[in-house]
Amino acid sequence: MDYPKVLGLEKGAKVSFELKNDEIVVKKLPTALDWANLISELPEEKVEIDKNVNYDPKESPNFHDWIVNG
């Protein structure tokens, strides 16, 4: 088995090693590009907050859903 391919490793990739239940677990550490790709998929919404720290849920439905449902 080609472990670097299975883990998606390329030259210069960083990994972590962890001992769990007498087994060594190898994980690829995320790169800046991995994080950028993840963040690019997040929805974006401008939320106007007034001086009393209130917002209009109709103007910011995604934010409101996140606040209410987590």
PDB file of N, CA and C in Angstrom:
ATOM      1  N   MET A   1       0.858  -1.180   0.000  1.00  0.00           N
ATOM      2  CA  MET A   1       0.000   0.000   0.000  1.00  0.00           C
ATOM      3  C   MET A   1       0.897   1.234   0.000  1.00  0.00           C
ATOM      4  N   ASP A   2       0.539   2.215  -0.789  1.00  0.00           N
ATOM      5  CA  ASP A   2       1.293   3.458  -0.870  1.00  0.00           C
ATOM      6  C   ASP A   2       0.716   4.446   0.144  1.00  0.00           C
ATOM      7  N   TYR A   3       1.245   4.416   1.374  1.00  0.00           N
ATOM      8  CA  TYR A   3       0.679   5.228   2.449  1.00  0.00           C
ATOM      9  C   TYR A   3       0.695   6.729   2.182  1.00  0.00           C
ATOM     10  N   PRO A   4       1.766   7.284   1.577  1.00  0.00           N
ATOM     11  CA  PRO A   4       1.700   8.721   1.291  1.00  0.00           C
ATOM     12  C   PRO A   4       0.505   9.081   0.411  1.00  0.00           C
ATOM     13  N   LYS A   5       0.175   8.243  -0.588  1.00  0.00           N
ATOM     14  CA  LYS A   5      -0.977   8.528  -1.453  1.00  0.00           C
ATOM     15  C   LYS A   5      -2.281   8.401  -0.679  1.00  0.00           C
ATOM     16  N   VAL A   6      -2.384   7.365   0.165  1.00  0.00           N
ATOM     17  CA  VAL A   6      -3.608   7.151   0.942  1.00  0.00           C
ATOM     18  C   VAL A   6      -3.876   8.348   1.850  1.00  0.00           C
ATOM     19  N   LEU A   7      -2.835   8.909   2.432  1.00  0.00           N
ATOM     20  CA  LEU A   7      -2.983  10.054   3.328  1.00  0.00           C
ATOM     21  C   LEU A   7      -3.048  11.384   2.574  1.00  0.00           C
ATOM     22  N   GLY A   8      -2.842  11.351   1.266  1.00  0.00           N
ATOM     23  CA  GLY A   8      -2.844  12.592   0.494  1.00  0.00           C
ATOM     24  C   GLY A   8      -1.606  13.429   0.749  1.00  0.00           C
ATOM     25  N   LEU A   9      -0.487  12.768   1.010  1.00  0.00           N
ATOM     26  CA  LEU A   9       0.746  13.488   1.332  1.00  0.00           C
ATOM     27  C   LEU A   9       1.549  13.801   0.080  1.00  0.00           C
ATOM     28  N   GLU A  10       2.098  14.984   0.068  1.00  0.00           N
ATOM     29  CA  GLU A  10       3.027  15.386  -0.980  1.00  0.00           C
ATOM     30  C   GLU A  10       4.320  15.801  -0.301  1.00  0.00           C
ATOM     31  N   LYS A  11       5.355  15.958  -1.085  1.00  0.00           N
ATOM     32  CA  LYS A  11       6.646  16.360  -0.546  1.00  0.00           C
ATOM     33  C   LYS A  11       6.488  17.644   0.263  1.00  0.00           C
ATOM     34  N   GLY A  12       7.012  17.651   1.469  1.00  0.00           N
ATOM     35  CA  GLY A  12       6.936  18.825   2.339  1.00  0.00           C
ATOM     36  C   GLY A  12       5.723  18.845   3.248  1.00  0.00           C
ATOM     37  N   ALA A  13       4.820  17.866   3.101  1.00  0.00           N
ATOM     38  CA  ALA A  13       3.628  17.817   3.961  1.00  0.00           C
ATOM     39  C   ALA A  13       4.043  17.561   5.402  1.00  0.00           C
ATOM     40  N   LYS A  14       3.275  18.103   6.320  1.00  0.00           N
ATOM     41  CA  LYS A  14       3.534  17.888   7.748  1.00  0.00           C
ATOM     42  C   LYS A  14       2.513  16.894   8.281  1.00  0.00           C
ATOM     43  N   VAL A  15       2.978  16.041   9.187  1.00  0.00           N
ATOM     44  CA  VAL A  15       2.121  15.019   9.775  1.00  0.00           C
ATOM     45  C   VAL A  15       2.267  15.034  11.289  1.00  0.00           C
ATOM     46  N   SER A  16       1.283  14.448  11.952  1.00  0.00           N
ATOM     47  CA  SER A  16       1.391  14.256  13.401  1.00  0.00           C
ATOM     48  C   SER A  16       1.311  12.761  13.676  1.00  0.00           C
ATOM     49  N   PHE A  17       1.936  12.353  14.753  1.00  0.00           N
ATOM     50  CA  PHE A  17       1.914  10.969  15.187  1.00  0.00           C
ATOM     51  C   PHE A  17       1.321  10.927  16.580  1.00  0.00           C
ATOM     52  N   GLU A  18       0.425   9.982  16.801  1.00  0.00           N
ATOM     53  CA  GLU A  18      -0.213   9.849  18.112  1.00  0.00           C
ATOM     54  C   GLU A  18      -0.310   8.368  18.446  1.00  0.00           C
ATOM     55  N   LEU A  19      -0.005   8.036  19.681  1.00  0.00           N
ATOM     56  CA  LEU A  19      -0.112   6.660  20.130  1.00  0.00           C
ATOM     57  C   LEU A  19      -1.473   6.475  20.789  1.00  0.00           C
ATOM     58  N   LYS A  20      -2.300   5.562  20.214  1.00  0.00           N
ATOM     59  CA  LYS A  20      -3.633   5.276  20.740  1.00  0.00           C
ATOM     60  C   LYS A  20      -3.811   3.766  20.816  1.00  0.00           C
ATOM     61  N   ASN A  21      -4.089   3.281  22.000  1.00  0.00           N
ATOM     62  CA  ASN A  21      -4.355   1.843  22.177  1.00  0.00           C
ATOM     63  C   ASN A  21      -3.293   0.976  21.509  1.00  0.00           C
ATOM     64  N   ASP A  22      -2.047   1.273  21.777  1.00  0.00           N
ATOM     65  CA  ASP A  22      -0.913   0.517  21.231  1.00  0.00           C
ATOM     66  C   ASP A  22      -0.811   0.585  19.705  1.00  0.00           C
ATOM     67  N   GLU A  23      -1.408   1.582  19.089  1.00  0.00           N
ATOM     68  CA  GLU A  23      -1.287   1.797  17.651  1.00  0.00           C
ATOM     69  C   GLU A  23      -0.786   3.219  17.416  1.00  0.00           C
ATOM     70  N   ILE A  24      -0.023   3.387  16.364  1.00  0.00           N
ATOM     71  CA  ILE A  24       0.439   4.711  15.984  1.00  0.00           C
ATOM     72  C   ILE A  24      -0.521   5.254  14.934  1.00  0.00           C
ATOM     73  N   VAL A  25      -1.092   6.425  15.222  1.00  0.00           N
ATOM     74  CA  VAL A  25      -2.014   7.083  14.305  1.00  0.00           C
ATOM     75  C   VAL A  25      -1.264   8.225  13.630  1.00  0.00           C
ATOM     76  N   VAL A  26      -1.244   8.206  12.294  1.00  0.00           N
ATOM     77  CA  VAL A  26      -0.576   9.247  11.517  1.00  0.00           C
ATOM     78  C   VAL A  26      -1.654  10.094  10.853  1.00  0.00           C
ATOM     79  N   LYS A  27      -1.570  11.406  11.056  1.00  0.00           N
ATOM     80  CA  LYS A  27      -2.541  12.319  10.453  1.00  0.00           C
ATOM     81  C   LYS A  27      -1.803  13.413   9.693  1.00  0.00           C
ATOM     82  N   LYS A  28      -2.353  13.752   8.532  1.00  0.00           N
ATOM     83  CA  LYS A  28      -1.826  14.872   7.765  1.00  0.00           C
ATOM     84  C   LYS A  28      -2.310  16.154   8.432  1.00  0.00           C
ATOM     85  N   LEU A  29      -1.401  17.079   8.685  1.00  0.00           N
ATOM     86  CA  LEU A  29      -1.781  18.361   9.259  1.00  0.00           C
ATOM     87  C   LEU A  29      -2.260  19.283   8.137  1.00  0.00           C
ATOM     88  N   PRO A  30      -3.318  20.045   8.380  1.00  0.00           N
ATOM     89  CA  PRO A  30      -3.832  20.927   7.334  1.00  0.00           C
ATOM     90  C   PRO A  30      -2.839  22.030   6.989  1.00  0.00           C
ATOM     91  N   THR A  31      -2.829  22.372   5.719  1.00  0.00           N
ATOM     92  CA  THR A  31      -1.975  23.460   5.239  1.00  0.00           C
ATOM     93  C   THR A  31      -2.797  24.746   5.202  1.00  0.00           C
ATOM     94  N   ALA A  32      -2.129  25.850   4.936  1.00  0.00           N
ATOM     95  CA  ALA A  32      -2.837  27.127   4.791  1.00  0.00           C
ATOM     96  C   ALA A  32      -3.842  27.034   3.644  1.00  0.00           C
ATOM     97  N   LEU A  33      -3.490  26.319   2.577  1.00  0.00           N
ATOM     98  CA  LEU A  33      -4.401  26.159   1.447  1.00  0.00           C
ATOM     99  C   LEU A  33      -5.621  25.333   1.845  1.00  0.00           C
ATOM    100  N   ASP A  34      -5.415  24.289   2.656  1.00  0.00           N
ATOM    101  CA  ASP A  34      -6.556  23.502   3.157  1.00  0.00           C
ATOM    102  C   ASP A  34      -7.528  24.401   3.908  1.00  0.00           C
ATOM    103  N   TRP A  35      -7.000  25.256   4.786  1.00  0.00           N
ATOM    104  CA  TRP A  35      -7.861  26.155   5.571  1.00  0.00           C
ATOM    105  C   TRP A  35      -8.551  27.167   4.665  1.00  0.00           C
ATOM    106  N   ALA A  36      -7.817  27.701   3.684  1.00  0.00           N
ATOM    107  CA  ALA A  36      -8.399  28.682   2.764  1.00  0.00           C
ATOM    108  C   ALA A  36      -9.545  28.053   1.975  1.00  0.00           C
ATOM    109  N   ASN A  37      -9.359  26.816   1.520  1.00  0.00           N
ATOM    110  CA  ASN A  37     -10.419  26.136   0.779  1.00  0.00           C
ATOM    111  C   ASN A  37     -11.637  25.884   1.660  1.00  0.00           C
ATOM    112  N   LEU A  38     -11.403  25.519   2.904  1.00  0.00           N
ATOM    113  CA  LEU A  38     -12.503  25.274   3.837  1.00  0.00           C
ATOM    114  C   LEU A  38     -13.278  26.567   4.092  1.00  0.00           C
ATOM    115  N   ILE A  39     -12.574  27.638   4.332  1.00  0.00           N
ATOM    116  CA  ILE A  39     -13.210  28.917   4.635  1.00  0.00           C
ATOM    117  C   ILE A  39     -13.955  29.467   3.416  1.00  0.00           C
ATOM    118  N   SER A  40     -13.432  29.212   2.216  1.00  0.00           N
ATOM    119  CA  SER A  40     -14.082  29.734   1.013  1.00  0.00           C
ATOM    120  C   SER A  40     -15.474  29.134   0.812  1.00  0.00           C
ATOM    121  N   GLU A  41     -15.744  27.989   1.425  1.00  0.00           N
ATOM    122  CA  GLU A  41     -17.040  27.339   1.292  1.00  0.00           C
ATOM    123  C   GLU A  41     -18.079  27.856   2.290  1.00  0.00           C
ATOM    124  N   LEU A  42     -17.657  28.660   3.254  1.00  0.00           N
ATOM    125  CA  LEU A  42     -18.582  29.181   4.255  1.00  0.00           C
ATOM    126  C   LEU A  42     -19.431  30.303   3.666  1.00  0.00           C
ATOM    127  N   PRO A  43     -20.707  30.334   4.023  1.00  0.00           N
ATOM    128  CA  PRO A  43     -21.537  31.432   3.517  1.00  0.00           C
ATOM    129  C   PRO A  43     -21.107  32.757   4.150  1.00  0.00           C
ATOM    130  N   GLU A  44     -21.300  33.813   3.398  1.00  0.00           N
ATOM    131  CA  GLU A  44     -20.924  35.137   3.879  1.00  0.00           C
ATOM    132  C   GLU A  44     -22.184  35.992   3.973  1.00  0.00           C
ATOM    133  N   GLU A  45     -22.308  36.705   5.061  1.00  0.00           N
ATOM    134  CA  GLU A  45     -23.491  37.532   5.255  1.00  0.00           C
ATOM    135  C   GLU A  45     -23.111  38.745   6.093  1.00  0.00           C
ATOM    136  N   LYS A  46     -23.470  39.922   5.626  1.00  0.00           N
ATOM    137  CA  LYS A  46     -23.203  41.139   6.385  1.00  0.00           C
ATOM    138  C   LYS A  46     -24.287  41.284   7.445  1.00  0.00           C
ATOM    139  N   VAL A  47     -23.861  41.491   8.680  1.00  0.00           N
ATOM    140  CA  VAL A  47     -24.797  41.621   9.797  1.00  0.00           C
ATOM    141  C   VAL A  47     -24.621  43.005  10.405  1.00  0.00           C
ATOM    142  N   GLU A  48     -25.680  43.771  10.384  1.00  0.00           N
ATOM    143  CA  GLU A  48     -25.681  45.103  10.992  1.00  0.00           C
ATOM    144  C   GLU A  48     -26.128  44.955  12.446  1.00  0.00           C
ATOM    145  N   ILE A  49     -25.290  45.420  13.352  1.00  0.00           N
ATOM    146  CA  ILE A  49     -25.613  45.351  14.782  1.00  0.00           C
ATOM    147  C   ILE A  49     -25.700  46.778  15.307  1.00  0.00           C
ATOM    148  N   ASP A  50     -26.803  47.085  15.981  1.00  0.00           N
ATOM    149  CA  ASP A  50     -27.001  48.455  16.462  1.00  0.00           C
ATOM    150  C   ASP A  50     -26.262  48.685  17.777  1.00  0.00           C
ATOM    151  N   LYS A  51     -26.385  49.889  18.309  1.00  0.00           N
ATOM    152  CA  LYS A  51     -25.651  50.244  19.530  1.00  0.00           C
ATOM    153  C   LYS A  51     -26.095  49.442  20.750  1.00  0.00           C
ATOM    154  N   ASN A  52     -27.278  48.821  20.683  1.00  0.00           N
ATOM    155  CA  ASN A  52     -27.765  47.967  21.777  1.00  0.00           C
ATOM    156  C   ASN A  52     -27.444  46.487  21.544  1.00  0.00           C
ATOM    157  N   VAL A  53     -26.578  46.233  20.572  1.00  0.00           N
ATOM    158  CA  VAL A  53     -26.129  44.887  20.196  1.00  0.00           C
ATOM    159  C   VAL A  53     -27.302  44.013  19.719  1.00  0.00           C
ATOM    160  N   ASN A  54     -28.194  44.605  18.952  1.00  0.00           N
ATOM    161  CA  ASN A  54     -29.313  43.887  18.346  1.00  0.00           C
ATOM    162  C   ASN A  54     -29.124  43.870  16.836  1.00  0.00           C
ATOM    163  N   TYR A  55     -29.742  42.903  16.196  1.00  0.00           N
ATOM    164  CA  TYR A  55     -29.705  42.801  14.742  1.00  0.00           C
ATOM    165  C   TYR A  55     -31.110  42.440  14.258  1.00  0.00           C
ATOM    166  N   ASP A  56     -31.347  42.611  12.965  1.00  0.00           N
ATOM    167  CA  ASP A  56     -32.635  42.287  12.366  1.00  0.00           C
ATOM    168  C   ASP A  56     -32.548  40.883  11.769  1.00  0.00           C
ATOM    169  N   PRO A  57     -33.252  39.898  12.355  1.00  0.00           N
ATOM    170  CA  PRO A  57     -33.169  38.523  11.846  1.00  0.00           C
ATOM    171  C   PRO A  57     -33.637  38.386  10.399  1.00  0.00           C
ATOM    172  N   LYS A  58     -34.529  39.272   9.943  1.00  0.00           N
ATOM    173  CA  LYS A  58     -34.995  39.208   8.549  1.00  0.00           C
ATOM    174  C   LYS A  58     -33.906  39.672   7.592  1.00  0.00           C
ATOM    175  N   GLU A  59     -33.073  40.596   8.040  1.00  0.00           N
ATOM    176  CA  GLU A  59     -31.974  41.094   7.207  1.00  0.00           C
ATOM    177  C   GLU A  59     -30.771  40.147   7.225  1.00  0.00           C
ATOM    178  N   SER A  60     -30.665  39.327   8.265  1.00  0.00           N
ATOM    179  CA  SER A  60     -29.527  38.410   8.423  1.00  0.00           C
ATOM    180  C   SER A  60     -30.027  37.017   8.795  1.00  0.00           C
ATOM    181  N   PRO A  61     -30.728  36.328   7.874  1.00  0.00           N
ATOM    182  CA  PRO A  61     -31.331  35.038   8.215  1.00  0.00           C
ATOM    183  C   PRO A  61     -30.322  33.939   8.534  1.00  0.00           C
ATOM    184  N   ASN A  62     -29.193  33.900   7.830  1.00  0.00           N
ATOM    185  CA  ASN A  62     -28.201  32.859   8.122  1.00  0.00           C
ATOM    186  C   ASN A  62     -27.577  33.063   9.495  1.00  0.00           C
ATOM    187  N   PHE A  63     -27.257  34.300   9.817  1.00  0.00           N
ATOM    188  CA  PHE A  63     -26.696  34.619  11.123  1.00  0.00           C
ATOM    189  C   PHE A  63     -27.703  34.265  12.220  1.00  0.00           C
ATOM    190  N   HIS A  64     -28.952  34.619  11.992  1.00  0.00           N
ATOM    191  CA  HIS A  64     -29.996  34.325  12.972  1.00  0.00           C
ATOM    192  C   HIS A  64     -30.126  32.810  13.188  1.00  0.00           C
ATOM    193  N   ASP A  65     -30.125  32.052  12.112  1.00  0.00           N
ATOM    194  CA  ASP A  65     -30.200  30.594  12.224  1.00  0.00           C
ATOM    195  C   ASP A  65     -29.014  30.060  13.033  1.00  0.00           C
ATOM    196  N   TRP A  66     -27.824  30.589  12.775  1.00  0.00           N
ATOM    197  CA  TRP A  66     -26.641  30.161  13.505  1.00  0.00           C
ATOM    198  C   TRP A  66     -26.756  30.498  14.997  1.00  0.00           C
ATOM    199  N   ILE A  67     -27.249  31.693  15.313  1.00  0.00           N
ATOM    200  CA  ILE A  67     -27.414  32.106  16.708  1.00  0.00           C
ATOM    201  C   ILE A  67     -28.435  31.208  17.415  1.00  0.00           C
ATOM    202  N   VAL A  68     -29.526  30.905  16.745  1.00  0.00           N
ATOM    203  CA  VAL A  68     -30.606  30.125  17.356  1.00  0.00           C
ATOM    204  C   VAL A  68     -30.267  28.637  17.410  1.00  0.00           C
ATOM    205  N   ASN A  69     -29.739  28.094  16.316  1.00  0.00           N
ATOM    206  CA  ASN A  69     -29.530  26.638  16.205  1.00  0.00           C
ATOM    207  C   ASN A  69     -28.102  26.163  16.354  1.00  0.00           C
ATOM    208  N   GLY A  70     -27.171  27.117  16.373  1.00  0.00           N
ATOM    209  CA  GLY A  70     -25.775  26.742  16.538  1.00  0.00           C
ATOM    210  C   GLY A  70     -25.110  26.242  15.311  1.00  0.00           C
TER     211      GLY A  70
END
